[in-house]
C-alpha cells in the first residue's frame, strides 16, 4: 500500500462578476459532474489557457524566454 502524502497547491482567492444566467449554467454543470463550482471553473480555465491561440505579444515574449 502506498503512503498518502497530502500536498497543498498555492491558490489565490479572487472575485469576479458574472452574468446570472451564466452562473446558473455553471452551477448546473458542476452539479451534474458532482464537483464544486470552483473545481469546474478551474478546469475550464486550464482547458481554455492550454487551447487558446497565442497573441502576437505572447508569441514574441515566448520566443525571447521559452521557459
PDB file of N, CA and C in Angstrom:
ATOM      1  N   UNK A   1       0.842  -1.177   0.000  1.00  0.00           N
ATOM      2  CA  UNK A   1       0.000   0.000   0.000  1.00  0.00           C
ATOM      3  C   UNK A   1       0.893   1.248   0.000  1.00  0.00           C
ATOM      4  N   UNK A   2       0.557   2.210  -0.858  1.00  0.00           N
ATOM      5  CA  UNK A   2       1.332   3.444  -0.936  1.00  0.00           C
ATOM      6  C   UNK A   2       0.956   4.372   0.204  1.00  0.00           C
ATOM      7  N   UNK A   3       1.936   5.158   0.632  1.00  0.00           N
ATOM      8  CA  UNK A   3       1.674   6.141   1.678  1.00  0.00           C
ATOM      9  C   UNK A   3       0.979   7.365   1.094  1.00  0.00           C
ATOM     10  N   UNK A   4       0.060   7.892   1.849  1.00  0.00           N
ATOM     11  CA  UNK A   4      -0.634   9.114   1.455  1.00  0.00           C
ATOM     12  C   UNK A   4       0.159  10.310   1.949  1.00  0.00           C
ATOM     13  N   UNK A   5       0.541  11.172   1.017  1.00  0.00           N
ATOM     14  CA  UNK A   5       1.258  12.391   1.377  1.00  0.00           C
ATOM     15  C   UNK A   5       0.449  13.568   0.847  1.00  0.00           C
ATOM     16  N   UNK A   6      -0.250  14.284   1.733  1.00  0.00           N
ATOM     17  CA  UNK A   6      -1.043  15.424   1.276  1.00  0.00           C
ATOM     18  C   UNK A   6      -0.156  16.531   0.733  1.00  0.00           C
ATOM     19  N   UNK A   7      -0.598  17.141  -0.351  1.00  0.00           N
ATOM     20  CA  UNK A   7       0.141  18.237  -0.959  1.00  0.00           C
ATOM     21  C   UNK A   7      -0.815  19.404  -1.152  1.00  0.00           C
ATOM     22  N   UNK A   8      -0.372  20.561  -0.774  1.00  0.00           N
ATOM     23  CA  UNK A   8      -1.217  21.734  -0.979  1.00  0.00           C
ATOM     24  C   UNK A   8      -0.733  22.493  -2.203  1.00  0.00           C
ATOM     25  N   UNK A   9      -1.674  23.018  -2.941  1.00  0.00           N
ATOM     26  CA  UNK A   9      -1.356  23.851  -4.090  1.00  0.00           C
ATOM     27  C   UNK A   9      -1.545  25.292  -3.669  1.00  0.00           C
ATOM     28  N   UNK A  10      -0.677  26.123  -4.151  1.00  0.00           N
ATOM     29  CA  UNK A  10      -0.794  27.538  -3.854  1.00  0.00           C
ATOM     30  C   UNK A  10      -1.957  28.121  -4.656  1.00  0.00           C
ATOM     31  N   UNK A  11      -2.875  28.741  -3.981  1.00  0.00           N
ATOM     32  CA  UNK A  11      -4.012  29.353  -4.658  1.00  0.00           C
ATOM     33  C   UNK A  11      -4.236  30.756  -4.126  1.00  0.00           C
ATOM     34  N   UNK A  12      -4.924  31.534  -4.905  1.00  0.00           N
ATOM     35  CA  UNK A  12      -5.297  32.886  -4.505  1.00  0.00           C
ATOM     36  C   UNK A  12      -6.814  33.006  -4.588  1.00  0.00           C
ATOM     37  N   UNK A  13      -7.361  33.752  -3.685  1.00  0.00           N
ATOM     38  CA  UNK A  13      -8.795  33.988  -3.672  1.00  0.00           C
ATOM     39  C   UNK A  13      -9.070  35.259  -4.471  1.00  0.00           C
ATOM     40  N   UNK A  14      -9.956  35.142  -5.467  1.00  0.00           N
ATOM     41  CA  UNK A  14     -10.323  36.299  -6.274  1.00  0.00           C
ATOM     42  C   UNK A  14     -11.833  36.412  -6.339  1.00  0.00           C
ATOM     43  N   UNK A  15     -12.298  37.499  -6.861  1.00  0.00           N
ATOM     44  CA  UNK A  15     -13.727  37.717  -7.036  1.00  0.00           C
ATOM     45  C   UNK A  15     -13.976  38.140  -8.477  1.00  0.00           C
ATOM     46  N   UNK A  16     -15.017  37.589  -9.106  1.00  0.00           N
ATOM     47  CA  UNK A  16     -15.367  38.001 -10.468  1.00  0.00           C
ATOM     48  C   UNK A  16     -16.860  38.316 -10.535  1.00  0.00           C
ATOM     49  N   UNK A  17     -17.215  39.143 -11.475  1.00  0.00           N
ATOM     50  CA  UNK A  17     -18.624  39.416 -11.748  1.00  0.00           C
ATOM     51  C   UNK A  17     -19.001  38.570 -12.953  1.00  0.00           C
ATOM     52  N   UNK A  18     -20.157  37.915 -12.874  1.00  0.00           N
ATOM     53  CA  UNK A  18     -20.580  37.018 -13.940  1.00  0.00           C
ATOM     54  C   UNK A  18     -22.085  37.154 -14.138  1.00  0.00           C
ATOM     55  N   UNK A  19     -22.520  37.031 -15.367  1.00  0.00           N
ATOM     56  CA  UNK A  19     -23.949  37.140 -15.670  1.00  0.00           C
ATOM     57  C   UNK A  19     -24.706  36.027 -14.950  1.00  0.00           C
ATOM     58  N   UNK A  20     -25.881  36.374 -14.458  1.00  0.00           N
ATOM     59  CA  UNK A  20     -26.683  35.420 -13.667  1.00  0.00           C
ATOM     60  C   UNK A  20     -26.993  34.148 -14.433  1.00  0.00           C
ATOM     61  N   UNK A  21     -27.351  34.269 -15.704  1.00  0.00           N
ATOM     62  CA  UNK A  21     -27.692  33.072 -16.480  1.00  0.00           C
ATOM     63  C   UNK A  21     -26.472  32.179 -16.684  1.00  0.00           C
ATOM     64  N   UNK A  22     -25.299  32.785 -16.825  1.00  0.00           N
ATOM     65  CA  UNK A  22     -24.073  32.006 -16.971  1.00  0.00           C
ATOM     66  C   UNK A  22     -23.750  31.279 -15.674  1.00  0.00           C
ATOM     67  N   UNK A  23     -23.958  31.943 -14.536  1.00  0.00           N
ATOM     68  CA  UNK A  23     -23.707  31.325 -13.238  1.00  0.00           C
ATOM     69  C   UNK A  23     -24.640  30.134 -13.020  1.00  0.00           C
ATOM     70  N   UNK A  24     -25.894  30.276 -13.419  1.00  0.00           N
ATOM     71  CA  UNK A  24     -26.841  29.155 -13.298  1.00  0.00           C
ATOM     72  C   UNK A  24     -26.371  27.961 -14.113  1.00  0.00           C
ATOM     73  N   UNK A  25     -25.865  28.218 -15.321  1.00  0.00           N
ATOM     74  CA  UNK A  25     -25.366  27.133 -16.165  1.00  0.00           C
ATOM     75  C   UNK A  25     -24.142  26.470 -15.540  1.00  0.00           C
ATOM     76  N   UNK A  26     -23.231  27.283 -15.010  1.00  0.00           N
ATOM     77  CA  UNK A  26     -22.033  26.752 -14.350  1.00  0.00           C
ATOM     78  C   UNK A  26     -22.430  25.887 -13.152  1.00  0.00           C
ATOM     79  N   UNK A  27     -23.354  26.375 -12.353  1.00  0.00           N
ATOM     80  CA  UNK A  27     -23.821  25.604 -11.196  1.00  0.00           C
ATOM     81  C   UNK A  27     -24.456  24.286 -11.627  1.00  0.00           C
ATOM     82  N   UNK A  28     -25.225  24.324 -12.700  1.00  0.00           N
ATOM     83  CA  UNK A  28     -25.883  23.121 -13.204  1.00  0.00           C
ATOM     84  C   UNK A  28     -24.860  22.086 -13.686  1.00  0.00           C
ATOM     85  N   UNK A  29     -23.874  22.544 -14.428  1.00  0.00           N
ATOM     86  CA  UNK A  29     -22.841  21.630 -14.939  1.00  0.00           C
ATOM     87  C   UNK A  29     -22.024  21.053 -13.781  1.00  0.00           C
ATOM     88  N   UNK A  30     -21.646  21.891 -12.828  1.00  0.00           N
ATOM     89  CA  UNK A  30     -20.879  21.410 -11.672  1.00  0.00           C
ATOM     90  C   UNK A  30     -21.666  20.347 -10.917  1.00  0.00           C
ATOM     91  N   UNK A  31     -22.951  20.589 -10.736  1.00  0.00           N
ATOM     92  CA  UNK A  31     -23.800  19.626 -10.043  1.00  0.00           C
ATOM     93  C   UNK A  31     -23.892  18.316 -10.823  1.00  0.00           C
ATOM     94  N   UNK A  32     -24.013  18.417 -12.126  1.00  0.00           N
ATOM     95  CA  UNK A  32     -24.100  17.222 -12.983  1.00  0.00           C
ATOM     96  C   UNK A  32     -22.866  16.341 -12.839  1.00  0.00           C
ATOM     97  N   UNK A  33     -21.700  16.963 -12.666  1.00  0.00           N
ATOM     98  CA  UNK A  33     -20.446  16.227 -12.533  1.00  0.00           C
ATOM     99  C   UNK A  33     -20.035  16.010 -11.076  1.00  0.00           C
ATOM    100  N   UNK A  34     -20.917  16.355 -10.158  1.00  0.00           N
ATOM    101  CA  UNK A  34     -20.679  16.194  -8.720  1.00  0.00           C
ATOM    102  C   UNK A  34     -19.341  16.818  -8.305  1.00  0.00           C
ATOM    103  N   UNK A  35     -19.180  18.079  -8.646  1.00  0.00           N
ATOM    104  CA  UNK A  35     -17.977  18.809  -8.257  1.00  0.00           C
ATOM    105  C   UNK A  35     -18.367  20.221  -7.861  1.00  0.00           C
ATOM    106  N   UNK A  36     -17.473  20.888  -7.197  1.00  0.00           N
ATOM    107  CA  UNK A  36     -17.761  22.254  -6.789  1.00  0.00           C
ATOM    108  C   UNK A  36     -17.661  23.188  -7.989  1.00  0.00           C
ATOM    109  N   UNK A  37     -18.312  24.321  -7.871  1.00  0.00           N
ATOM    110  CA  UNK A  37     -18.236  25.345  -8.911  1.00  0.00           C
ATOM    111  C   UNK A  37     -16.776  25.767  -9.094  1.00  0.00           C
ATOM    112  N   UNK A  38     -16.040  25.886  -8.005  1.00  0.00           N
ATOM    113  CA  UNK A  38     -14.635  26.264  -8.070  1.00  0.00           C
ATOM    114  C   UNK A  38     -13.823  25.247  -8.869  1.00  0.00           C
ATOM    115  N   UNK A  39     -14.029  23.959  -8.610  1.00  0.00           N
ATOM    116  CA  UNK A  39     -13.307  22.918  -9.342  1.00  0.00           C
ATOM    117  C   UNK A  39     -13.616  23.002 -10.838  1.00  0.00           C
ATOM    118  N   UNK A  40     -14.890  23.172 -11.180  1.00  0.00           N
ATOM    119  CA  UNK A  40     -15.282  23.253 -12.584  1.00  0.00           C
ATOM    120  C   UNK A  40     -14.639  24.465 -13.252  1.00  0.00           C
ATOM    121  N   UNK A  41     -14.726  25.625 -12.613  1.00  0.00           N
ATOM    122  CA  UNK A  41     -14.162  26.839 -13.206  1.00  0.00           C
ATOM    123  C   UNK A  41     -12.658  26.725 -13.394  1.00  0.00           C
ATOM    124  N   UNK A  42     -11.952  26.139 -12.425  1.00  0.00           N
ATOM    125  CA  UNK A  42     -10.510  25.957 -12.576  1.00  0.00           C
ATOM    126  C   UNK A  42     -10.182  25.044 -13.752  1.00  0.00           C
ATOM    127  N   UNK A  43     -10.946  23.971 -13.923  1.00  0.00           N
ATOM    128  CA  UNK A  43     -10.703  23.063 -15.039  1.00  0.00           C
ATOM    129  C   UNK A  43     -11.023  23.734 -16.368  1.00  0.00           C
ATOM    130  N   UNK A  44     -12.077  24.539 -16.410  1.00  0.00           N
ATOM    131  CA  UNK A  44     -12.430  25.271 -17.630  1.00  0.00           C
ATOM    132  C   UNK A  44     -11.339  26.279 -17.991  1.00  0.00           C
ATOM    133  N   UNK A  45     -10.832  26.985 -17.000  1.00  0.00           N
ATOM    134  CA  UNK A  45      -9.766  27.964 -17.238  1.00  0.00           C
ATOM    135  C   UNK A  45      -8.507  27.259 -17.722  1.00  0.00           C
ATOM    136  N   UNK A  46      -8.133  26.150 -17.082  1.00  0.00           N
ATOM    137  CA  UNK A  46      -6.955  25.390 -17.514  1.00  0.00           C
ATOM    138  C   UNK A  46      -7.098  24.950 -18.968  1.00  0.00           C
ATOM    139  N   UNK A  47      -8.268  24.421 -19.318  1.00  0.00           N
ATOM    140  CA  UNK A  47      -8.512  23.961 -20.687  1.00  0.00           C
ATOM    141  C   UNK A  47      -8.398  25.119 -21.674  1.00  0.00           C
ATOM    142  N   UNK A  48      -9.042  26.238 -21.344  1.00  0.00           N
ATOM    143  CA  UNK A  48      -9.020  27.396 -22.240  1.00  0.00           C
ATOM    144  C   UNK A  48      -7.590  27.915 -22.441  1.00  0.00           C
ATOM    145  N   UNK A  49      -6.825  28.008 -21.362  1.00  0.00           N
ATOM    146  CA  UNK A  49      -5.459  28.510 -21.468  1.00  0.00           C
ATOM    147  C   UNK A  49      -4.568  27.587 -22.291  1.00  0.00           C
ATOM    148  N   UNK A  50      -4.781  26.287 -22.189  1.00  0.00           N
ATOM    149  CA  UNK A  50      -3.968  25.330 -22.936  1.00  0.00           C
ATOM    150  C   UNK A  50      -4.319  25.322 -24.421  1.00  0.00           C
ATOM    151  N   UNK A  51      -5.545  25.713 -24.767  1.00  0.00           N
ATOM    152  CA  UNK A  51      -6.010  25.594 -26.148  1.00  0.00           C
ATOM    153  C   UNK A  51      -6.181  26.914 -26.885  1.00  0.00           C
ATOM    154  N   UNK A  52      -5.903  28.029 -26.246  1.00  0.00           N
ATOM    155  CA  UNK A  52      -6.075  29.298 -26.941  1.00  0.00           C
ATOM    156  C   UNK A  52      -4.877  29.606 -27.825  1.00  0.00           C
ATOM    157  N   UNK A  53      -5.140  30.343 -28.885  1.00  0.00           N
ATOM    158  CA  UNK A  53      -4.077  30.761 -29.787  1.00  0.00           C
ATOM    159  C   UNK A  53      -3.333  31.923 -29.139  1.00  0.00           C
ATOM    160  N   UNK A  54      -2.004  31.872 -29.128  1.00  0.00           N
ATOM    161  CA  UNK A  54      -1.261  32.973 -28.513  1.00  0.00           C
ATOM    162  C   UNK A  54      -1.404  34.250 -29.346  1.00  0.00           C
ATOM    163  N   UNK A  55      -1.469  35.373 -28.661  1.00  0.00           N
ATOM    164  CA  UNK A  55      -1.491  36.656 -29.354  1.00  0.00           C
ATOM    165  C   UNK A  55      -0.090  36.948 -29.854  1.00  0.00           C
ATOM    166  N   UNK A  56       0.056  37.944 -30.696  1.00  0.00           N
ATOM    167  CA  UNK A  56       1.390  38.268 -31.212  1.00  0.00           C
ATOM    168  C   UNK A  56       2.315  38.699 -30.078  1.00  0.00           C
ATOM    169  N   UNK A  57       1.781  39.385 -29.060  1.00  0.00           N
ATOM    170  CA  UNK A  57       2.610  39.810 -27.926  1.00  0.00           C
ATOM    171  C   UNK A  57       3.075  38.595 -27.125  1.00  0.00           C
ATOM    172  N   UNK A  58       2.171  37.631 -26.906  1.00  0.00           N
ATOM    173  CA  UNK A  58       2.515  36.423 -26.166  1.00  0.00           C
ATOM    174  C   UNK A  58       3.538  35.598 -26.943  1.00  0.00           C
ATOM    175  N   UNK A  59       3.317  35.468 -28.241  1.00  0.00           N
ATOM    176  CA  UNK A  59       4.212  34.675 -29.070  1.00  0.00           C
ATOM    177  C   UNK A  59       5.611  35.270 -29.079  1.00  0.00           C
ATOM    178  N   UNK A  60       5.726  36.593 -29.189  1.00  0.00           N
ATOM    179  CA  UNK A  60       7.058  37.208 -29.219  1.00  0.00           C
ATOM    180  C   UNK A  60       7.755  37.096 -27.871  1.00  0.00           C
ATOM    181  N   UNK A  61       7.002  37.166 -26.768  1.00  0.00           N
ATOM    182  CA  UNK A  61       7.640  37.013 -25.455  1.00  0.00           C
ATOM    183  C   UNK A  61       8.064  35.580 -25.224  1.00  0.00           C
ATOM    184  N   UNK A  62       7.321  34.619 -25.792  1.00  0.00           N
ATOM    185  CA  UNK A  62       7.693  33.215 -25.653  1.00  0.00           C
ATOM    186  C   UNK A  62       8.968  32.911 -26.448  1.00  0.00           C
ATOM    187  N   UNK A  63       9.153  33.616 -27.572  1.00  0.00           N
ATOM    188  CA  UNK A  63      10.369  33.420 -28.366  1.00  0.00           C
ATOM    189  C   UNK A  63      11.592  33.903 -27.598  1.00  0.00           C
ATOM    190  N   UNK A  64      11.436  34.993 -26.832  1.00  0.00           N
ATOM    191  CA  UNK A  64      12.548  35.539 -26.064  1.00  0.00           C
ATOM    192  C   UNK A  64      12.872  34.664 -24.861  1.00  0.00           C
ATOM    193  N   UNK A  65      11.832  34.123 -24.207  1.00  0.00           N
ATOM    194  CA  UNK A  65      12.005  33.318 -22.988  1.00  0.00           C
ATOM    195  C   UNK A  65      11.168  32.055 -23.118  1.00  0.00           C
ATOM    196  N   UNK A  66      11.705  30.988 -23.714  1.00  0.00           N
ATOM    197  CA  UNK A  66      10.912  29.774 -23.969  1.00  0.00           C
ATOM    198  C   UNK A  66      10.568  28.962 -22.731  1.00  0.00           C
ATOM    199  N   UNK A  67      10.906  29.386 -21.530  1.00  0.00           N
ATOM    200  CA  UNK A  67      10.627  28.598 -20.323  1.00  0.00           C
ATOM    201  C   UNK A  67       9.225  28.668 -19.891  1.00  0.00           C
TER     202      UNK A  67
END
